[in-house]
Amino acid sequence: MTVPYNNNAALDANDILRYILFSNTNDTLGSIILQSSSTVMAFNPATMQTGVTYYLATLAGNNLNSNVNLNDPCIDVSNIAAQVTWRDAPTVSFSVANPNVCAGGCTTVTATFTGAPPFTLSYTSPGNGTQIQTFSGNTGTFQVCVPANATPGSFQLTATSLVDAWCSCN
């Protein structure tokens, strides 16, 4: 997540500007999770949770070990905070009611998703190349056909990309 840059900050000689991630707009300084000199903040599962709303802002004040001293009487927090919510990456799993399909035959595949619908799934299967399907719910079915000239053995279906309402992953 990138924090909007505050280029209007007026700093004196011992002040620094930091970007902060915090959890409570009613207690900004008491709920700071991270101070950073960079505008880029990465999700850290040790201190953050997916699905929780956090806030991003800028903080200016006296330098204390490369962070803003939270006891500085002249500390300044930006009056605008951007909301951010990290989401879990979507997942998909496949199941087949009848895995025994002859060359030239087709079978129904059930896709089960985690995440927020709608889902756009890209997948590959031997002889069929890349296919794209869209699903409006957390489960859906589609047909996969085995090429007529396929040799006997296992048939592999591979998800190559998945997009939900919030995230995409490859």
N, C-alpha and C. Protein backbone atom coordinates (compact mmCIF):
# COMPACT_ATOMS: atom_id res chain seq x y z
N MET A 1 0.85 -1.15 0.00
CA MET A 1 0.00 0.00 0.00
C MET A 1 0.90 1.22 0.00
N THR A 2 0.59 2.22 -0.81
CA THR A 2 1.36 3.45 -0.88
C THR A 2 0.62 4.57 -0.18
N VAL A 3 1.30 5.25 0.74
CA VAL A 3 0.73 6.36 1.49
C VAL A 3 0.84 7.63 0.66
N PRO A 4 -0.22 8.44 0.58
CA PRO A 4 -0.09 9.71 -0.13
C PRO A 4 1.00 10.56 0.52
N TYR A 5 1.81 11.20 -0.30
CA TYR A 5 2.94 11.99 0.19
C TYR A 5 2.47 13.37 0.63
N ASN A 6 2.93 13.84 1.79
CA ASN A 6 2.62 15.17 2.29
C ASN A 6 3.79 16.08 1.97
N ASN A 7 3.67 16.88 0.90
CA ASN A 7 4.77 17.76 0.54
C ASN A 7 4.57 19.17 1.11
N ASN A 8 3.59 19.35 2.00
CA ASN A 8 3.35 20.65 2.63
C ASN A 8 3.85 20.69 4.07
N ALA A 9 4.54 19.67 4.52
CA ALA A 9 5.01 19.62 5.89
C ALA A 9 6.10 20.67 6.10
N ALA A 10 6.00 21.42 7.20
CA ALA A 10 7.02 22.40 7.57
C ALA A 10 7.77 21.83 8.77
N LEU A 11 9.00 21.41 8.54
CA LEU A 11 9.77 20.74 9.57
C LEU A 11 10.88 21.68 10.06
N ASP A 12 11.14 21.68 11.37
CA ASP A 12 12.30 22.42 11.87
C ASP A 12 13.50 21.49 11.89
N ALA A 13 14.63 21.96 12.37
CA ALA A 13 15.90 21.25 12.24
C ALA A 13 15.91 19.86 12.88
N ASN A 14 15.17 19.64 13.96
CA ASN A 14 15.20 18.32 14.60
C ASN A 14 13.95 17.49 14.32
N ASP A 15 13.12 17.91 13.39
CA ASP A 15 11.89 17.18 13.04
C ASP A 15 12.14 16.20 11.90
N ILE A 16 11.32 15.17 11.87
CA ILE A 16 11.28 14.25 10.74
C ILE A 16 9.82 14.00 10.36
N LEU A 17 9.62 13.57 9.16
CA LEU A 17 8.29 13.22 8.65
C LEU A 17 8.26 11.70 8.50
N ARG A 18 7.23 11.08 9.04
CA ARG A 18 7.06 9.64 8.92
C ARG A 18 5.64 9.36 8.43
N TYR A 19 5.50 8.21 7.83
CA TYR A 19 4.21 7.73 7.37
C TYR A 19 3.78 6.68 8.38
N ILE A 20 2.51 6.76 8.78
CA ILE A 20 2.04 5.86 9.83
C ILE A 20 0.85 5.04 9.38
N LEU A 21 0.78 3.84 9.91
CA LEU A 21 -0.38 2.97 9.79
C LEU A 21 -0.93 2.84 11.19
N PHE A 22 -2.22 3.14 11.35
CA PHE A 22 -2.84 3.05 12.68
C PHE A 22 -4.22 2.45 12.57
N SER A 23 -4.80 2.07 13.71
CA SER A 23 -6.05 1.31 13.69
C SER A 23 -7.27 2.03 14.26
N ASN A 24 -7.08 3.16 14.93
CA ASN A 24 -8.21 3.80 15.61
C ASN A 24 -8.16 5.31 15.37
N THR A 25 -9.14 5.84 14.65
CA THR A 25 -9.15 7.28 14.36
C THR A 25 -9.42 8.11 15.60
N ASN A 26 -9.95 7.50 16.66
CA ASN A 26 -10.17 8.24 17.90
C ASN A 26 -8.96 8.22 18.82
N ASP A 27 -7.95 7.43 18.48
CA ASP A 27 -6.72 7.34 19.26
C ASP A 27 -5.55 7.10 18.32
N THR A 28 -5.32 8.05 17.41
CA THR A 28 -4.31 7.86 16.37
C THR A 28 -2.96 7.49 16.96
N LEU A 29 -2.43 8.31 17.86
CA LEU A 29 -1.09 8.06 18.39
C LEU A 29 -1.02 6.77 19.22
N GLY A 30 -2.10 6.44 19.90
CA GLY A 30 -2.13 5.24 20.73
C GLY A 30 -2.34 3.96 19.94
N SER A 31 -2.68 4.08 18.67
CA SER A 31 -2.96 2.88 17.88
C SER A 31 -2.03 2.74 16.68
N ILE A 32 -0.88 3.41 16.72
CA ILE A 32 0.08 3.30 15.62
C ILE A 32 0.66 1.89 15.59
N ILE A 33 0.59 1.28 14.44
CA ILE A 33 1.13 -0.05 14.23
C ILE A 33 2.52 0.03 13.60
N LEU A 34 2.71 1.05 12.78
CA LEU A 34 3.96 1.15 12.02
C LEU A 34 4.26 2.60 11.71
N GLN A 35 5.51 3.01 11.92
CA GLN A 35 6.05 4.27 11.42
C GLN A 35 7.06 3.91 10.35
N SER A 36 7.03 4.63 9.24
CA SER A 36 7.94 4.30 8.14
C SER A 36 8.46 5.58 7.49
N SER A 37 9.70 5.54 7.03
CA SER A 37 10.25 6.65 6.26
C SER A 37 9.85 6.53 4.80
N SER A 38 9.30 5.40 4.41
CA SER A 38 8.88 5.14 3.04
C SER A 38 7.37 5.28 2.91
N THR A 39 6.93 5.65 1.72
CA THR A 39 5.49 5.73 1.46
C THR A 39 4.88 4.36 1.17
N VAL A 40 5.71 3.32 1.10
CA VAL A 40 5.23 1.97 0.81
C VAL A 40 5.20 1.17 2.10
N MET A 41 4.06 0.58 2.40
CA MET A 41 3.90 -0.25 3.59
C MET A 41 3.37 -1.61 3.17
N ALA A 42 4.03 -2.64 3.64
CA ALA A 42 3.65 -4.01 3.30
C ALA A 42 2.87 -4.64 4.44
N PHE A 43 2.01 -5.57 4.09
CA PHE A 43 1.24 -6.31 5.08
C PHE A 43 2.18 -7.17 5.92
N ASN A 44 2.00 -7.15 7.23
CA ASN A 44 2.79 -7.96 8.16
C ASN A 44 1.81 -8.76 9.02
N PRO A 45 1.70 -10.07 8.80
CA PRO A 45 0.72 -10.87 9.55
C PRO A 45 1.00 -10.92 11.05
N ALA A 46 2.18 -10.54 11.50
CA ALA A 46 2.48 -10.53 12.93
C ALA A 46 1.81 -9.35 13.64
N THR A 47 1.53 -8.28 12.89
CA THR A 47 0.96 -7.07 13.52
C THR A 47 -0.34 -6.61 12.87
N MET A 48 -0.74 -7.25 11.79
CA MET A 48 -1.94 -6.82 11.05
C MET A 48 -2.82 -8.02 10.74
N GLN A 49 -4.08 -7.75 10.42
CA GLN A 49 -5.02 -8.80 10.05
C GLN A 49 -5.69 -8.45 8.74
N THR A 50 -6.02 -9.47 7.96
CA THR A 50 -6.79 -9.22 6.76
C THR A 50 -8.24 -8.94 7.15
N GLY A 51 -8.91 -8.16 6.33
CA GLY A 51 -10.32 -7.85 6.57
C GLY A 51 -10.56 -6.76 7.60
N VAL A 52 -9.51 -6.18 8.17
CA VAL A 52 -9.62 -5.12 9.18
C VAL A 52 -9.27 -3.79 8.51
N THR A 53 -10.03 -2.75 8.80
CA THR A 53 -9.73 -1.43 8.25
C THR A 53 -8.67 -0.74 9.09
N TYR A 54 -7.62 -0.28 8.40
CA TYR A 54 -6.55 0.51 9.00
C TYR A 54 -6.55 1.87 8.33
N TYR A 55 -5.71 2.76 8.84
CA TYR A 55 -5.65 4.12 8.32
C TYR A 55 -4.20 4.50 8.08
N LEU A 56 -3.99 5.28 7.02
CA LEU A 56 -2.67 5.76 6.65
C LEU A 56 -2.65 7.27 6.74
N ALA A 57 -1.58 7.82 7.34
CA ALA A 57 -1.46 9.27 7.47
C ALA A 57 0.01 9.63 7.58
N THR A 58 0.28 10.92 7.69
CA THR A 58 1.64 11.39 7.91
C THR A 58 1.74 11.95 9.32
N LEU A 59 2.96 11.90 9.84
CA LEU A 59 3.24 12.32 11.21
C LEU A 59 4.54 13.10 11.19
N ALA A 60 4.56 14.27 11.81
CA ALA A 60 5.77 15.09 11.89
C ALA A 60 6.05 15.42 13.34
N GLY A 61 7.34 15.41 13.69
CA GLY A 61 7.73 15.77 15.05
C GLY A 61 9.20 15.50 15.27
N ASN A 62 9.64 15.67 16.50
CA ASN A 62 11.04 15.48 16.84
C ASN A 62 11.51 14.06 16.55
N ASN A 63 12.75 13.98 16.08
CA ASN A 63 13.37 12.70 15.75
C ASN A 63 13.79 11.99 17.04
N LEU A 64 13.36 10.75 17.19
CA LEU A 64 13.78 9.90 18.30
C LEU A 64 14.13 8.53 17.71
N ASN A 65 15.41 8.28 17.52
CA ASN A 65 15.87 7.00 16.97
C ASN A 65 15.22 6.69 15.62
N SER A 66 15.16 7.67 14.75
CA SER A 66 14.63 7.55 13.39
C SER A 66 13.12 7.38 13.31
N ASN A 67 12.41 7.60 14.41
CA ASN A 67 10.96 7.66 14.43
C ASN A 67 10.55 8.99 15.04
N VAL A 68 9.30 9.37 14.84
CA VAL A 68 8.78 10.58 15.47
C VAL A 68 8.57 10.29 16.95
N ASN A 69 9.06 11.17 17.79
CA ASN A 69 8.87 11.07 19.24
C ASN A 69 7.40 11.34 19.53
N LEU A 70 6.69 10.34 20.00
CA LEU A 70 5.25 10.49 20.25
C LEU A 70 4.96 11.38 21.44
N ASN A 71 5.98 11.75 22.23
CA ASN A 71 5.81 12.67 23.36
C ASN A 71 6.17 14.10 23.00
N ASP A 72 6.49 14.37 21.75
CA ASP A 72 6.82 15.72 21.30
C ASP A 72 5.58 16.60 21.48
N PRO A 73 5.68 17.72 22.22
CA PRO A 73 4.50 18.57 22.43
C PRO A 73 4.03 19.26 21.15
N CYS A 74 4.87 19.30 20.13
CA CYS A 74 4.49 19.94 18.86
C CYS A 74 4.24 18.91 17.76
N ILE A 75 3.97 17.67 18.12
CA ILE A 75 3.72 16.63 17.13
C ILE A 75 2.54 17.03 16.24
N ASP A 76 2.61 16.66 14.97
CA ASP A 76 1.55 17.02 14.03
C ASP A 76 1.17 15.79 13.22
N VAL A 77 -0.10 15.45 13.24
CA VAL A 77 -0.65 14.34 12.46
C VAL A 77 -1.48 14.94 11.34
N SER A 78 -1.32 14.42 10.13
CA SER A 78 -2.12 14.94 9.02
C SER A 78 -3.60 14.82 9.35
N ASN A 79 -4.39 15.77 8.84
CA ASN A 79 -5.82 15.76 9.15
C ASN A 79 -6.61 14.89 8.17
N ILE A 80 -5.92 14.26 7.26
CA ILE A 80 -6.58 13.34 6.33
C ILE A 80 -5.92 11.97 6.47
N ALA A 81 -6.73 10.96 6.61
CA ALA A 81 -6.22 9.59 6.70
C ALA A 81 -6.91 8.75 5.63
N ALA A 82 -6.12 8.00 4.90
CA ALA A 82 -6.66 7.10 3.88
C ALA A 82 -6.96 5.74 4.52
N GLN A 83 -8.09 5.15 4.16
CA GLN A 83 -8.44 3.83 4.67
C GLN A 83 -7.77 2.75 3.82
N VAL A 84 -7.36 1.68 4.47
CA VAL A 84 -6.80 0.53 3.76
C VAL A 84 -7.26 -0.74 4.46
N THR A 85 -7.62 -1.73 3.65
CA THR A 85 -8.00 -3.04 4.18
C THR A 85 -7.29 -4.09 3.33
N TRP A 86 -6.44 -4.87 3.96
CA TRP A 86 -5.78 -5.96 3.25
C TRP A 86 -6.76 -7.12 3.15
N ARG A 87 -6.76 -7.78 2.02
CA ARG A 87 -7.65 -8.92 1.76
C ARG A 87 -6.83 -10.18 1.52
N ASP A 88 -7.37 -11.33 1.93
CA ASP A 88 -6.73 -12.59 1.60
C ASP A 88 -6.79 -12.80 0.09
N ALA A 89 -5.74 -13.38 -0.45
CA ALA A 89 -5.75 -13.72 -1.87
C ALA A 89 -6.80 -14.80 -2.10
N PRO A 90 -7.51 -14.74 -3.22
CA PRO A 90 -8.51 -15.78 -3.50
C PRO A 90 -7.83 -17.11 -3.81
N THR A 91 -8.56 -18.19 -3.58
CA THR A 91 -8.06 -19.53 -3.90
C THR A 91 -9.13 -20.30 -4.66
N VAL A 92 -8.69 -21.34 -5.35
CA VAL A 92 -9.62 -22.23 -6.04
C VAL A 92 -9.15 -23.67 -5.86
N SER A 93 -10.10 -24.57 -5.71
CA SER A 93 -9.80 -25.99 -5.72
C SER A 93 -10.77 -26.66 -6.69
N PHE A 94 -10.32 -27.73 -7.31
CA PHE A 94 -11.12 -28.43 -8.30
C PHE A 94 -11.50 -29.81 -7.79
N SER A 95 -12.69 -30.27 -8.16
CA SER A 95 -13.09 -31.65 -7.92
C SER A 95 -13.86 -32.13 -9.15
N VAL A 96 -13.78 -33.43 -9.37
CA VAL A 96 -14.44 -34.04 -10.52
C VAL A 96 -15.23 -35.24 -10.03
N ALA A 97 -16.52 -35.29 -10.36
CA ALA A 97 -17.36 -36.40 -9.92
C ALA A 97 -16.92 -37.70 -10.56
N ASN A 98 -16.56 -37.65 -11.85
CA ASN A 98 -16.12 -38.85 -12.56
C ASN A 98 -14.77 -38.57 -13.19
N PRO A 99 -13.68 -39.00 -12.54
CA PRO A 99 -12.36 -38.73 -13.09
C PRO A 99 -11.97 -39.65 -14.25
N ASN A 100 -12.77 -40.67 -14.52
CA ASN A 100 -12.45 -41.61 -15.61
C ASN A 100 -13.10 -41.13 -16.90
N VAL A 101 -12.31 -40.44 -17.70
CA VAL A 101 -12.82 -39.88 -18.95
C VAL A 101 -11.97 -40.42 -20.09
N CYS A 102 -12.62 -40.90 -21.10
CA CYS A 102 -11.91 -41.44 -22.26
C CYS A 102 -11.51 -40.32 -23.21
N ALA A 103 -10.51 -40.60 -24.04
CA ALA A 103 -10.10 -39.64 -25.07
C ALA A 103 -11.33 -39.25 -25.89
N GLY A 104 -11.49 -37.96 -26.12
CA GLY A 104 -12.64 -37.46 -26.86
C GLY A 104 -13.86 -37.21 -25.99
N GLY A 105 -13.81 -37.60 -24.71
CA GLY A 105 -14.93 -37.40 -23.80
C GLY A 105 -14.78 -36.14 -22.96
N CYS A 106 -15.83 -35.81 -22.26
CA CYS A 106 -15.84 -34.61 -21.42
C CYS A 106 -16.28 -34.97 -20.00
N THR A 107 -15.93 -34.14 -19.06
CA THR A 107 -16.35 -34.32 -17.68
C THR A 107 -16.67 -32.96 -17.08
N THR A 108 -17.45 -32.97 -16.03
CA THR A 108 -17.81 -31.74 -15.34
C THR A 108 -16.86 -31.53 -14.17
N VAL A 109 -16.30 -30.35 -14.12
CA VAL A 109 -15.38 -29.97 -13.04
C VAL A 109 -16.11 -28.98 -12.14
N THR A 110 -16.01 -29.18 -10.84
CA THR A 110 -16.54 -28.21 -9.88
C THR A 110 -15.38 -27.40 -9.35
N ALA A 111 -15.52 -26.08 -9.42
CA ALA A 111 -14.52 -25.16 -8.86
C ALA A 111 -15.11 -24.58 -7.58
N THR A 112 -14.33 -24.64 -6.50
CA THR A 112 -14.74 -24.07 -5.22
C THR A 112 -13.76 -22.96 -4.88
N PHE A 113 -14.29 -21.78 -4.61
CA PHE A 113 -13.47 -20.59 -4.41
C PHE A 113 -13.54 -20.07 -2.98
N THR A 114 -12.45 -19.45 -2.54
CA THR A 114 -12.48 -18.59 -1.35
C THR A 114 -12.20 -17.18 -1.84
N GLY A 115 -12.77 -16.22 -1.17
CA GLY A 115 -12.63 -14.82 -1.58
C GLY A 115 -14.00 -14.21 -1.77
N ALA A 116 -14.04 -13.13 -2.51
CA ALA A 116 -15.29 -12.39 -2.72
C ALA A 116 -15.69 -12.45 -4.19
N PRO A 117 -16.87 -13.03 -4.49
CA PRO A 117 -17.31 -13.10 -5.88
C PRO A 117 -17.54 -11.70 -6.47
N PRO A 118 -17.51 -11.58 -7.77
CA PRO A 118 -17.36 -12.63 -8.78
C PRO A 118 -15.90 -13.05 -8.94
N PHE A 119 -15.70 -14.25 -9.50
CA PHE A 119 -14.38 -14.80 -9.74
C PHE A 119 -14.16 -14.97 -11.24
N THR A 120 -12.97 -14.62 -11.69
CA THR A 120 -12.56 -14.90 -13.06
C THR A 120 -11.37 -15.83 -12.98
N LEU A 121 -11.55 -17.02 -13.51
CA LEU A 121 -10.56 -18.09 -13.45
C LEU A 121 -9.98 -18.33 -14.83
N SER A 122 -8.67 -18.34 -14.91
CA SER A 122 -7.97 -18.78 -16.13
C SER A 122 -7.33 -20.11 -15.80
N TYR A 123 -7.46 -21.07 -16.70
CA TYR A 123 -6.89 -22.39 -16.46
C TYR A 123 -6.42 -22.99 -17.78
N THR A 124 -5.54 -23.97 -17.65
CA THR A 124 -5.08 -24.71 -18.83
C THR A 124 -5.33 -26.19 -18.60
N SER A 125 -5.51 -26.88 -19.71
CA SER A 125 -5.63 -28.34 -19.70
C SER A 125 -5.01 -28.84 -21.00
N PRO A 126 -4.45 -30.03 -20.99
CA PRO A 126 -3.79 -30.55 -22.20
C PRO A 126 -4.71 -30.54 -23.41
N GLY A 127 -4.19 -29.99 -24.49
CA GLY A 127 -4.94 -29.99 -25.74
C GLY A 127 -5.99 -28.91 -25.85
N ASN A 128 -6.28 -28.19 -24.76
CA ASN A 128 -7.32 -27.16 -24.80
C ASN A 128 -6.79 -25.75 -24.62
N GLY A 129 -5.52 -25.61 -24.28
CA GLY A 129 -4.93 -24.28 -24.10
C GLY A 129 -5.55 -23.56 -22.91
N THR A 130 -5.38 -22.26 -22.91
CA THR A 130 -5.89 -21.44 -21.81
C THR A 130 -7.38 -21.14 -22.01
N GLN A 131 -8.14 -21.34 -20.97
CA GLN A 131 -9.57 -21.05 -20.97
C GLN A 131 -9.86 -20.04 -19.86
N ILE A 132 -10.89 -19.24 -20.03
CA ILE A 132 -11.28 -18.26 -19.01
C ILE A 132 -12.77 -18.44 -18.72
N GLN A 133 -13.09 -18.55 -17.43
CA GLN A 133 -14.48 -18.71 -16.99
C GLN A 133 -14.75 -17.68 -15.90
N THR A 134 -15.96 -17.17 -15.84
CA THR A 134 -16.38 -16.25 -14.78
C THR A 134 -17.47 -16.93 -13.97
N PHE A 135 -17.37 -16.79 -12.64
CA PHE A 135 -18.32 -17.43 -11.72
C PHE A 135 -18.89 -16.37 -10.79
N SER A 136 -20.20 -16.38 -10.60
CA SER A 136 -20.85 -15.37 -9.77
C SER A 136 -20.91 -15.75 -8.29
N GLY A 137 -20.63 -17.00 -7.97
CA GLY A 137 -20.69 -17.45 -6.57
C GLY A 137 -19.42 -18.18 -6.18
N ASN A 138 -19.43 -18.76 -4.97
CA ASN A 138 -18.23 -19.42 -4.44
C ASN A 138 -18.03 -20.84 -4.97
N THR A 139 -19.00 -21.35 -5.74
CA THR A 139 -18.81 -22.62 -6.44
C THR A 139 -19.41 -22.49 -7.83
N GLY A 140 -18.90 -23.30 -8.72
CA GLY A 140 -19.43 -23.32 -10.08
C GLY A 140 -18.89 -24.52 -10.81
N THR A 141 -19.52 -24.86 -11.91
CA THR A 141 -19.09 -26.01 -12.69
C THR A 141 -18.79 -25.59 -14.12
N PHE A 142 -17.95 -26.38 -14.77
CA PHE A 142 -17.65 -26.18 -16.18
C PHE A 142 -17.20 -27.51 -16.78
N GLN A 143 -17.28 -27.61 -18.08
CA GLN A 143 -16.91 -28.83 -18.80
C GLN A 143 -15.46 -28.76 -19.25
N VAL A 144 -14.76 -29.88 -19.10
CA VAL A 144 -13.42 -30.02 -19.64
C VAL A 144 -13.44 -31.27 -20.50
N CYS A 145 -12.95 -31.13 -21.72
CA CYS A 145 -12.95 -32.25 -22.65
C CYS A 145 -11.52 -32.71 -22.91
N VAL A 146 -11.38 -34.03 -22.97
CA VAL A 146 -10.08 -34.64 -23.26
C VAL A 146 -9.95 -34.72 -24.77
N PRO A 147 -8.83 -34.25 -25.31
CA PRO A 147 -8.65 -34.32 -26.77
C PRO A 147 -8.78 -35.77 -27.28
N ALA A 148 -9.27 -35.92 -28.49
CA ALA A 148 -9.50 -37.25 -29.07
C ALA A 148 -8.21 -38.05 -29.21
N ASN A 149 -7.09 -37.36 -29.39
CA ASN A 149 -5.83 -38.07 -29.59
C ASN A 149 -5.00 -38.18 -28.30
N ALA A 150 -5.62 -37.95 -27.14
CA ALA A 150 -4.90 -37.98 -25.85
C ALA A 150 -4.46 -39.40 -25.52
N THR A 151 -3.27 -39.51 -24.95
CA THR A 151 -2.79 -40.82 -24.51
C THR A 151 -3.39 -41.12 -23.14
N PRO A 152 -3.59 -42.38 -22.83
CA PRO A 152 -4.15 -42.75 -21.52
C PRO A 152 -3.26 -42.27 -20.38
N GLY A 153 -3.86 -41.94 -19.27
CA GLY A 153 -3.13 -41.49 -18.09
C GLY A 153 -3.84 -40.33 -17.43
N SER A 154 -3.14 -39.69 -16.55
CA SER A 154 -3.78 -38.59 -15.81
C SER A 154 -3.93 -37.37 -16.70
N PHE A 155 -4.94 -36.63 -16.40
CA PHE A 155 -5.29 -35.41 -17.13
C PHE A 155 -5.16 -34.26 -16.15
N GLN A 156 -4.34 -33.27 -16.46
CA GLN A 156 -4.06 -32.21 -15.50
C GLN A 156 -4.75 -30.91 -15.88
N LEU A 157 -5.47 -30.36 -14.91
CA LEU A 157 -6.11 -29.06 -15.04
C LEU A 157 -5.35 -28.12 -14.11
N THR A 158 -4.86 -26.99 -14.64
CA THR A 158 -4.03 -26.08 -13.86
C THR A 158 -4.62 -24.68 -13.87
N ALA A 159 -4.88 -24.14 -12.67
CA ALA A 159 -5.32 -22.74 -12.56
C ALA A 159 -4.09 -21.87 -12.81
N THR A 160 -4.19 -20.90 -13.71
CA THR A 160 -3.06 -20.02 -14.01
C THR A 160 -3.27 -18.60 -13.50
N SER A 161 -4.52 -18.23 -13.25
CA SER A 161 -4.82 -16.89 -12.75
C SER A 161 -6.20 -16.91 -12.11
N LEU A 162 -6.35 -16.15 -11.03
CA LEU A 162 -7.65 -16.06 -10.36
C LEU A 162 -7.84 -14.63 -9.86
N VAL A 163 -8.97 -14.05 -10.18
CA VAL A 163 -9.31 -12.70 -9.76
C VAL A 163 -10.64 -12.75 -9.05
N ASP A 164 -10.72 -12.10 -7.87
CA ASP A 164 -12.02 -11.96 -7.21
C ASP A 164 -12.35 -10.47 -7.15
N ALA A 165 -13.35 -10.10 -6.35
CA ALA A 165 -13.77 -8.71 -6.28
C ALA A 165 -12.69 -7.80 -5.71
N TRP A 166 -11.73 -8.36 -4.97
CA TRP A 166 -10.71 -7.55 -4.30
C TRP A 166 -9.30 -7.74 -4.84
N CYS A 167 -8.95 -8.97 -5.20
CA CYS A 167 -7.54 -9.31 -5.45
C CYS A 167 -7.39 -10.16 -6.70
N SER A 168 -6.15 -10.22 -7.16
CA SER A 168 -5.82 -11.17 -8.21
C SER A 168 -4.54 -11.88 -7.83
N CYS A 169 -4.41 -13.10 -8.30
CA CYS A 169 -3.17 -13.84 -8.06
C CYS A 169 -2.89 -14.73 -9.24
N ASN A 170 -1.62 -15.01 -9.44
CA ASN A 170 -1.18 -15.90 -10.52
C ASN A 170 -0.43 -17.06 -9.92
